[in-house]
Protein backbone atom coordinates (compact mmCIF):
# COMPACT_ATOMS: atom_id res chain seq x y z
CA MET A 1 0.13 0.05 -0.13
CA THR A 2 1.55 3.24 -0.94
CA THR A 3 -1.14 5.79 -1.06
CA ALA A 4 -1.61 8.84 0.96
CA ASP A 5 -4.19 7.17 2.60
CA HIS A 6 -1.98 4.69 4.32
CA ARG A 7 0.91 7.12 5.06
CA VAL A 8 2.67 6.53 8.33
CA PRO A 9 3.15 10.05 9.92
CA ASP A 10 6.92 10.90 10.34
CA GLY A 11 6.35 11.78 14.00
CA MET A 12 4.87 8.44 15.04
CA TYR A 13 7.50 6.74 17.43
CA TYR A 14 6.63 3.12 17.33
CA PRO A 15 5.99 1.07 14.17
CA VAL A 16 2.43 0.57 12.78
CA SER A 17 0.90 -1.21 10.22
CA GLU A 18 -0.07 0.63 6.81
CA HIS A 19 -3.71 -0.73 7.37
CA LYS A 20 -5.64 2.27 8.49
CA MET A 21 -8.88 0.91 10.30
CA THR A 22 -12.13 3.30 10.29
CA ARG A 23 -14.58 1.38 12.37
CA GLY A 24 -15.60 -1.96 13.97
CA GLU A 25 -18.79 -3.81 14.68
CA GLY A 26 -19.11 -6.65 17.01
CA VAL A 27 -16.28 -9.15 15.85
CA TYR A 28 -15.48 -7.41 12.84
CA LEU A 29 -12.88 -4.42 12.19
CA TYR A 30 -12.93 -2.70 8.78
CA ASP A 31 -10.24 -0.89 7.16
CA SER A 32 -10.08 2.38 5.02
CA GLN A 33 -10.90 0.22 1.71
CA GLY A 34 -13.91 -1.34 3.35
CA ARG A 35 -12.10 -4.96 3.77
CA ASP A 36 -13.65 -6.90 7.05
CA TYR A 37 -11.59 -8.52 9.38
CA ILE A 38 -12.75 -11.02 12.24
CA ASP A 39 -10.74 -9.77 15.11
CA CYS A 40 -9.00 -13.12 16.74
CA ALA A 41 -7.30 -10.56 19.48
CA ALA A 42 -10.31 -8.58 20.22
CA ALA A 43 -8.20 -5.47 19.53
CA THR A 44 -5.57 -6.11 22.80
CA PHE A 45 -7.83 -8.96 24.23
CA ASN A 46 -9.82 -6.12 25.82
CA LEU A 47 -12.96 -5.76 23.66
CA SER A 48 -14.73 -8.58 25.80
CA LEU A 49 -18.32 -7.36 24.20
CA GLY A 50 -16.52 -6.59 20.71
CA TYR A 51 -16.33 -3.35 18.88
CA GLY A 52 -18.97 -0.70 19.37
CA HIS A 53 -21.40 -2.57 21.60
CA PRO A 54 -24.61 -0.39 21.42
CA GLU A 55 -25.46 -1.01 25.36
CA VAL A 56 -21.82 0.31 26.53
CA VAL A 57 -21.79 3.00 23.69
CA ALA A 58 -25.27 4.44 25.19
CA ALA A 59 -23.95 4.10 28.78
CA ILE A 60 -20.87 6.30 27.71
CA GLN A 61 -22.80 8.60 25.89
CA LYS A 62 -25.21 9.07 28.55
CA GLN A 63 -22.58 9.70 31.20
CA ALA A 64 -20.35 11.76 29.12
CA GLU A 65 -23.48 14.24 29.21
CA GLN A 66 -23.63 13.95 33.16
CA LEU A 67 -19.86 13.64 34.91
CA VAL A 68 -17.10 12.24 32.97
CA HIS A 69 -14.68 12.36 35.89
CA VAL A 70 -14.83 13.35 39.33
CA THR A 71 -11.80 12.96 41.73
CA SER A 72 -12.10 9.58 43.62
CA SER A 73 -12.53 11.06 46.98
CA PHE A 74 -15.74 11.64 46.09
CA GLN A 75 -18.81 9.16 45.47
CA SER A 76 -20.35 8.97 42.65
CA GLU A 77 -23.31 6.30 41.37
CA PRO A 78 -21.56 4.54 38.72
CA VAL A 79 -18.23 3.73 41.00
CA ASN A 80 -20.57 2.73 43.82
CA GLU A 81 -22.43 0.27 41.58
CA LEU A 82 -19.29 -0.96 40.09
CA VAL A 83 -17.57 -1.71 43.66
CA ASP A 84 -21.12 -3.59 44.37
CA ARG A 85 -21.50 -5.69 41.19
CA LEU A 86 -17.51 -6.86 41.39
CA VAL A 87 -18.05 -8.06 44.79
CA SER A 88 -21.27 -9.84 43.68
CA VAL A 89 -19.56 -11.70 41.01
CA SER A 90 -16.03 -12.29 42.49
CA PRO A 91 -14.94 -15.30 44.76
CA ALA A 92 -16.74 -15.19 48.16
CA ASN A 93 -13.54 -14.26 49.82
CA LEU A 94 -12.58 -11.07 48.22
CA THR A 95 -14.91 -8.45 49.79
CA LYS A 96 -12.71 -5.19 48.76
CA VAL A 97 -12.69 -3.42 45.66
CA HIS A 98 -9.83 -0.86 45.03
CA LEU A 99 -10.47 1.11 41.72
CA LYS A 100 -8.14 4.02 42.01
CA VAL A 101 -6.37 2.06 39.15
CA SER A 102 -6.58 2.80 35.48
CA SER A 103 -4.75 0.00 34.04
CA GLY A 104 -3.48 -3.68 34.15
CA SER A 105 0.18 -2.64 35.22
CA ALA A 106 -1.06 -0.32 38.06
CA ALA A 107 -3.57 -2.84 39.22
CA ASN A 108 -0.84 -5.36 39.48
CA GLU A 109 1.59 -3.38 41.38
CA GLY A 110 -0.97 -2.12 43.63
CA ALA A 111 -1.80 -5.78 44.65
CA ILE A 112 1.89 -6.27 45.39
CA LYS A 113 2.13 -3.34 47.41
CA MET A 114 -0.92 -4.71 49.46
CA ALA A 115 0.96 -8.10 50.01
CA GLN A 116 4.15 -6.26 50.93
CA ALA A 117 2.50 -4.13 53.38
CA ALA A 118 0.25 -7.13 54.88
CA THR A 119 2.96 -9.36 55.43
CA GLY A 120 6.17 -7.07 56.23
CA LYS A 121 8.06 -9.14 53.03
CA ARG A 122 9.44 -8.25 49.74
CA ASP A 123 9.93 -10.56 47.31
CA VAL A 124 7.43 -11.64 44.73
CA ILE A 125 7.28 -15.00 42.91
CA THR A 126 6.45 -15.31 39.16
CA LEU A 127 6.64 -17.54 36.22
CA PHE A 128 9.13 -17.71 33.57
CA ARG A 129 6.76 -16.74 31.08
CA SER A 130 4.65 -14.18 32.87
CA HIS A 131 3.79 -11.01 31.28
CA LEU A 132 2.28 -8.90 34.20
CA GLY A 133 2.74 -5.41 32.55
CA GLN A 134 4.86 -2.78 30.90
CA SER A 135 5.70 -0.48 34.24
CA MET A 136 9.22 -0.81 35.41
CA MET A 137 7.88 -2.77 38.29
CA MET A 138 6.11 -5.15 36.27
CA ALA A 139 8.67 -5.72 33.71
CA SER A 140 11.03 -6.27 36.35
CA LEU A 141 8.84 -9.09 37.75
CA SER A 142 7.86 -10.53 34.30
CA GLY A 143 9.54 -13.27 32.54
CA ASN A 144 11.29 -13.22 29.53
CA ALA A 145 14.82 -12.06 29.19
CA PHE A 146 14.24 -9.72 26.12
CA ARG A 147 11.86 -7.55 27.83
CA LYS A 148 14.77 -6.53 30.32
CA ALA A 149 17.38 -6.37 28.33
CA PRO A 150 17.44 -2.49 27.40
CA PHE A 151 16.94 -1.49 31.28
CA PRO A 152 19.87 -1.52 33.60
CA SER A 153 17.77 0.06 36.51
CA LEU A 154 15.50 -3.20 37.03
CA LEU A 155 13.84 -3.45 40.44
CA PRO A 156 15.18 -6.32 42.67
CA GLY A 157 12.97 -8.71 44.63
CA GLY A 158 11.47 -10.92 41.59
CA LEU A 159 11.72 -14.59 41.29
CA GLN A 160 10.70 -16.39 38.44
CA VAL A 161 10.13 -20.02 38.59
CA PRO A 162 8.89 -22.86 35.95
CA ASP A 163 5.35 -22.61 34.44
CA PRO A 164 2.80 -25.51 34.39
CA TYR A 165 3.63 -25.91 30.71
CA CYS A 166 3.04 -29.87 30.62
CA PHE A 167 3.58 -29.68 26.87
CA ARG A 168 7.19 -28.40 27.31
CA CYS A 169 7.76 -29.60 31.19
CA PHE A 170 10.78 -28.08 32.54
CA TYR A 171 11.19 -30.95 34.68
CA GLY A 172 10.62 -33.44 31.74
CA GLN A 173 7.77 -35.06 33.66
CA ASN A 174 4.51 -36.23 32.86
CA PRO A 175 1.02 -34.28 34.66
CA ALA A 176 -0.27 -37.71 35.51
CA SER A 177 2.84 -38.90 37.46
CA CYS A 178 4.94 -35.74 38.26
CA GLY A 179 3.54 -34.64 41.69
CA MET A 180 3.12 -31.23 40.82
CA MET A 181 6.91 -30.38 40.82
CA CYS A 182 6.49 -27.26 39.53
CA VAL A 183 4.54 -26.35 42.69
CA ASP A 184 6.49 -28.47 45.08
CA ARG A 185 10.03 -27.27 43.73
CA ILE A 186 9.21 -23.64 44.48
CA ASP A 187 10.91 -24.10 47.74
CA ASP A 188 14.17 -24.84 46.12
CA PHE A 189 14.11 -21.52 44.28
CA ILE A 190 12.80 -19.85 47.54
CA GLU A 191 15.54 -21.38 49.53
CA TYR A 192 18.63 -21.03 47.21
CA ALA A 193 17.57 -18.26 44.93
CA SER A 194 15.58 -15.66 46.76
CA THR A 195 16.04 -13.63 50.31
CA GLY A 196 13.69 -16.00 51.86
CA GLN A 197 11.17 -13.01 52.42
CA ILE A 198 8.37 -13.84 50.27
CA ALA A 199 5.40 -11.51 50.10
CA ALA A 200 3.46 -13.03 47.27
CA VAL A 201 2.82 -15.29 44.26
CA MET A 202 1.53 -13.45 41.35
CA VAL A 203 0.33 -15.98 38.61
CA GLU A 204 -1.98 -15.75 35.65
CA PRO A 205 -4.47 -18.43 35.71
CA ILE A 206 -3.91 -18.86 31.97
CA SER A 207 -0.67 -17.47 30.31
CA GLY A 208 -1.57 -14.32 28.20
CA ASN A 209 1.50 -13.33 26.46
CA GLY A 210 3.28 -16.33 27.33
CA GLY A 211 1.58 -18.87 24.93
CA ASN A 212 -1.82 -19.93 26.70
CA ILE A 213 -0.52 -22.24 28.90
CA VAL A 214 -3.51 -24.00 30.75
CA PRO A 215 -2.21 -25.84 34.18
CA PRO A 216 -3.32 -29.04 34.99
CA PRO A 217 -6.14 -29.39 37.42
CA ASP A 218 -3.98 -30.23 40.25
CA TYR A 219 -1.46 -26.95 39.83
CA PHE A 220 -3.90 -24.32 41.79
CA PRO A 221 -5.14 -26.29 44.48
CA GLN A 222 -1.57 -27.17 45.57
CA LEU A 223 -0.26 -23.74 44.56
CA ARG A 224 -3.17 -22.46 47.17
CA ALA A 225 -2.17 -25.29 49.85
CA PHE A 226 1.52 -24.20 49.28
CA CYS A 227 1.03 -20.40 49.94
CA ASP A 228 -1.17 -20.91 52.93
CA GLU A 229 1.45 -23.08 54.51
CA ARG A 230 4.05 -20.42 54.24
CA GLY A 231 1.76 -17.53 54.61
CA ILE A 232 2.35 -16.32 51.21
CA VAL A 233 -0.21 -14.22 49.47
CA LEU A 234 -1.64 -15.60 46.33
CA ILE A 235 -2.57 -13.10 43.57
CA PHE A 236 -4.44 -14.05 40.25
CA ASP A 237 -3.76 -11.58 37.27
CA GLU A 238 -6.66 -11.94 35.86
CA ILE A 239 -6.37 -9.16 33.15
CA GLN A 240 -6.83 -11.13 30.10
CA THR A 241 -8.60 -14.26 31.93
CA GLY A 242 -11.08 -12.39 33.74
CA ILE A 243 -14.78 -11.05 32.78
CA GLY A 244 -15.65 -14.19 31.15
CA ARG A 245 -12.84 -15.16 29.03
CA THR A 246 -12.90 -18.53 30.36
CA GLY A 247 -17.05 -19.16 30.11
CA HIS A 248 -16.62 -18.18 33.73
CA MET A 249 -16.66 -14.85 35.14
CA PHE A 250 -13.23 -15.16 36.82
CA ALA A 251 -10.74 -18.15 35.84
CA ALA A 252 -10.22 -18.57 39.89
CA GLU A 253 -14.16 -20.07 39.39
CA TYR A 254 -12.84 -22.33 36.66
CA PHE A 255 -9.90 -23.62 38.63
CA GLY A 256 -11.86 -23.99 41.68
CA VAL A 257 -9.50 -22.01 44.12
CA GLU A 258 -9.88 -18.59 45.88
CA PRO A 259 -7.00 -16.50 45.84
CA ASP A 260 -6.21 -13.67 48.21
CA ALA A 261 -6.54 -10.85 45.53
CA ILE A 262 -7.53 -10.69 41.53
CA THR A 263 -6.66 -8.21 39.51
CA VAL A 264 -8.78 -6.91 36.53
CA ALA A 265 -8.65 -4.53 33.51
CA LYS A 266 -9.07 -5.41 29.75
CA GLY A 267 -12.22 -6.86 29.19
CA LEU A 268 -14.09 -4.93 32.08
CA GLY A 269 -14.18 -2.15 29.92
CA GLY A 270 -16.37 -3.97 27.29
CA SER A 271 -16.10 -2.19 24.17
CA GLY A 272 -12.68 -0.05 24.96
CA ALA A 273 -13.47 1.88 28.30
CA GLN A 274 -10.08 2.17 30.31
CA VAL A 275 -11.15 0.64 33.54
CA ALA A 276 -8.98 -1.40 36.02
CA ALA A 277 -9.78 -2.86 39.70
CA ILE A 278 -8.15 -4.89 42.49
CA LEU A 279 -10.05 -7.10 44.42
CA THR A 280 -9.16 -8.30 47.79
CA ASN A 281 -9.67 -9.93 50.68
CA GLU A 282 -9.78 -8.57 54.23
CA ARG A 283 -6.13 -9.52 55.09
CA LEU A 284 -5.04 -7.03 52.23
CA ALA A 285 -7.07 -4.33 53.05
CA GLY A 286 -5.93 -0.96 54.68
CA LEU A 287 -3.20 0.36 52.08
CA ASP A 288 -3.59 4.12 52.57
CA ALA A 289 -4.68 6.00 49.27
CA HIS A 290 -1.81 7.90 49.00
CA HIS A 291 0.37 4.72 48.75
CA HIS A 292 -1.46 3.54 45.26
CA SER A 293 -3.79 6.14 43.81
CA PHE A 294 -4.01 7.25 40.03
CA THR A 295 -5.54 10.21 38.46
CA TYR A 296 -7.71 8.50 36.17
CA GLY A 297 -8.57 5.83 38.63
CA ALA A 298 -12.21 5.36 39.67
CA ASN A 299 -13.29 7.30 36.25
CA VAL A 300 -16.89 7.75 36.34
CA MET A 301 -17.58 7.16 32.54
CA ALA A 302 -15.39 4.17 32.46
CA ALA A 303 -17.34 2.52 35.86
CA ALA A 304 -20.57 3.34 33.66
CA ALA A 305 -19.37 1.19 30.85
CA ALA A 306 -18.05 -1.38 33.24
CA ASN A 307 -21.45 -1.70 34.88
CA VAL A 308 -23.05 -2.63 31.41
CA THR A 309 -20.56 -4.97 30.58
CA LEU A 310 -21.04 -7.08 33.63
CA GLU A 311 -24.88 -6.62 33.25
CA VAL A 312 -24.28 -8.09 29.44
CA ILE A 313 -21.83 -11.10 30.71
CA GLY A 314 -24.11 -11.88 33.45
CA ARG A 315 -27.31 -12.30 31.40
CA PRO A 316 -28.54 -16.22 31.25
CA GLY A 317 -26.60 -17.93 28.62
CA PHE A 318 -23.85 -15.77 27.95
CA LEU A 319 -21.17 -17.50 29.55
CA ASP A 320 -22.74 -20.59 28.31
CA ASN A 321 -22.34 -19.39 24.56
CA VAL A 322 -18.58 -18.80 25.37
CA THR A 323 -18.07 -22.04 26.36
CA ALA A 324 -20.06 -23.70 23.52
CA VAL A 325 -18.27 -21.25 20.94
CA GLY A 326 -14.69 -22.39 22.62
CA GLU A 327 -15.20 -25.84 22.46
CA PHE A 328 -16.52 -25.56 18.76
CA VAL A 329 -13.27 -23.53 17.73
CA VAL A 330 -11.07 -26.01 19.49
CA GLN A 331 -12.86 -28.95 17.65
CA ARG A 332 -12.21 -27.29 14.59
CA LEU A 333 -8.61 -26.73 15.44
CA HIS A 334 -8.24 -30.16 16.37
CA ALA A 335 -9.35 -31.04 12.81
CA LEU A 336 -6.90 -28.95 11.51
CA GLN A 337 -4.43 -30.37 13.84
CA SER A 338 -4.94 -33.88 12.49
CA ARG A 339 -3.88 -32.59 9.00
CA PHE A 340 -0.99 -30.52 9.51
CA PRO A 341 1.78 -31.78 11.78
CA GLN A 342 3.24 -28.36 12.47
CA ILE A 343 0.05 -27.79 14.93
CA GLY A 344 1.96 -29.31 18.19
CA ASP A 345 -0.75 -28.41 20.44
CA VAL A 346 -4.34 -26.72 21.12
CA ARG A 347 -5.05 -25.86 24.11
CA GLY A 348 -7.41 -23.32 26.05
CA VAL A 349 -10.85 -22.72 28.04
CA GLY A 350 -13.47 -20.86 26.91
CA LEU A 351 -12.45 -18.13 24.25
CA MET A 352 -8.96 -18.03 25.48
CA ILE A 353 -7.27 -20.51 22.89
CA GLY A 354 -3.48 -21.04 21.73
CA VAL A 355 -2.37 -23.03 18.87
CA GLU A 356 1.47 -24.26 19.11
CA MET A 357 3.54 -24.51 16.07
CA VAL A 358 6.37 -26.84 15.82
CA ASP A 359 8.73 -28.04 13.26
CA ASP A 360 9.50 -31.49 12.02
CA ALA A 361 11.44 -32.28 15.25
CA GLY A 362 8.90 -30.92 17.64
CA ALA A 363 11.06 -27.59 18.53
CA PRO A 364 9.10 -24.48 18.55
CA ALA A 365 8.55 -22.99 15.04
CA VAL A 366 8.65 -19.24 16.06
CA GLU A 367 9.13 -18.00 12.26
CA LEU A 368 6.49 -19.82 10.96
CA THR A 369 3.98 -18.99 13.73
CA ASN A 370 4.98 -15.07 12.73
CA THR A 371 4.38 -15.85 9.01
CA VAL A 372 1.05 -17.36 9.86
CA ALA A 373 0.17 -14.15 11.92
CA GLN A 374 1.86 -12.04 8.96
CA ARG A 375 -0.40 -13.57 6.13
CA ALA A 376 -3.82 -13.72 8.44
CA MET A 377 -4.92 -10.22 7.13
CA ASP A 378 -4.78 -11.67 3.67
CA HIS A 379 -7.63 -14.13 4.85
CA GLY A 380 -9.58 -11.73 6.58
CA LEU A 381 -8.49 -12.36 10.22
CA ILE A 382 -6.38 -10.35 12.80
CA ILE A 383 -3.95 -13.02 14.69
CA ARG A 384 -1.39 -12.15 17.74
CA THR A 385 1.45 -14.50 18.52
CA SER A 386 2.86 -15.22 21.96
CA ARG A 387 6.05 -13.24 23.51
CA TYR A 388 5.88 -10.39 21.28
CA GLY A 389 6.68 -12.40 18.27
CA PHE A 390 9.55 -14.16 20.27
CA GLY A 391 7.24 -17.02 20.99
CA ASN A 392 5.46 -20.07 18.85
CA VAL A 393 1.83 -19.82 19.91
CA PHE A 394 -0.58 -18.01 17.82
CA LYS A 395 -3.80 -16.69 19.77
CA ILE A 396 -7.52 -17.03 19.27
CA ARG A 397 -9.25 -14.59 21.56
CA PRO A 398 -11.94 -12.93 19.85
CA PRO A 399 -14.81 -11.09 21.38
CA LEU A 400 -17.06 -13.07 23.75
CA THR A 401 -20.03 -12.12 21.77
CA MET A 402 -18.89 -14.31 18.78
CA THR A 403 -21.58 -16.46 17.78
CA LEU A 404 -21.39 -20.20 16.17
CA GLN A 405 -21.74 -18.74 12.93
CA GLU A 406 -19.05 -16.43 13.26
CA ALA A 407 -17.06 -18.83 14.91
CA ASP A 408 -17.18 -21.16 11.75
CA LEU A 409 -16.69 -18.53 9.25
CA MET A 410 -13.50 -17.74 11.40
CA CYS A 411 -12.38 -21.22 11.18
CA ASP A 412 -12.92 -21.42 7.73
CA ARG A 413 -10.79 -18.58 6.99
CA LEU A 414 -8.08 -19.96 9.54
CA ASP A 415 -8.15 -23.13 7.39
CA ALA A 416 -7.84 -21.45 3.98
CA LEU A 417 -4.75 -19.29 5.81
CA LEU A 418 -3.12 -22.54 7.12
CA THR A 419 -3.27 -24.43 3.93
CA GLU A 420 -1.58 -21.77 2.17
CA VAL A 421 1.17 -21.01 4.83
CA LEU A 422 1.32 -25.03 5.75
CA SER A 423 1.06 -27.13 2.72
């Protein structure tokens, strides 16, 4: 594309595609040439209700006419309502809601501050492939060396341990007989690679950027017990898994555990409103506001959008549809896997699905994965890959409003894409 319509501004700091997008509706994004794309990434995995959901748009418009923002020192009806709604849909032990944050990174940092204040300890355990945010603290605590390489001033106190990645088990074990070494061996990391002063374990229930890793059923119950025995706070980063993505309001429900805190953002805004929250138990309550409070946190207009989002997702049948569509997509992907040996694994829960690409020896096929994503738009799909292009998993996480008919079309387009690339 060389027309002026697709010229990237000279002052654009970061690289962007030559595609210029003009509108979106539901699962579809449309470019300036009128072509439609099924967005398998729901923008940045944040459009839980898709593009331009009419009820979210109406709520934003109505609230904008009344009050867009007020300092969070004051009450407002949308914020009060959001607190009540979040408490009502979260695990029963989570009774407090901190809304003075406006991003996933800030929510995660706040949860860590709460854990440090409550325990008097400093260190935080995270996973090798974790992606917990873009701020300096969260980049320091996340996995992946490439994300930290340019920065000499990383924060201390982070300890990364192996993921519960059964397809490529760090310990070379079988989940049926391993005894959850990925939990049990954390003690070794604490004893030999930390200060011994562990405040919290922060984990994504299903890894977002790290490859859509779904832990085996025993992992989280054992991790919960591990933390309880040592007085460690267990924090679930549900920035991507929360708000219906797994067919449950929170993945904690799917895995049958109650963490001490859940952080949420992305999908809470429904169709793009910027909103985040920290949900905590009583143990973590009491951090003074001046320790973690952001200007655009508890934004009234964003809260109005979040309330509508939670209302829509909580309607009878909505989450059942997420589960049914997700199962249909996985079934179609398994059929493709039987045709293409380059598909090493298909894994996911609800509409949080990952496809792992491998070479002839079963090793990660990173370049091939990136080729699939690069060619996707030629087939009317928008696809993102794991680990910012350093990984070998492409992700299927469309808006939760996707119908079976739309899922079928998405899979047909994916079939054509993979046939072109892999045959």
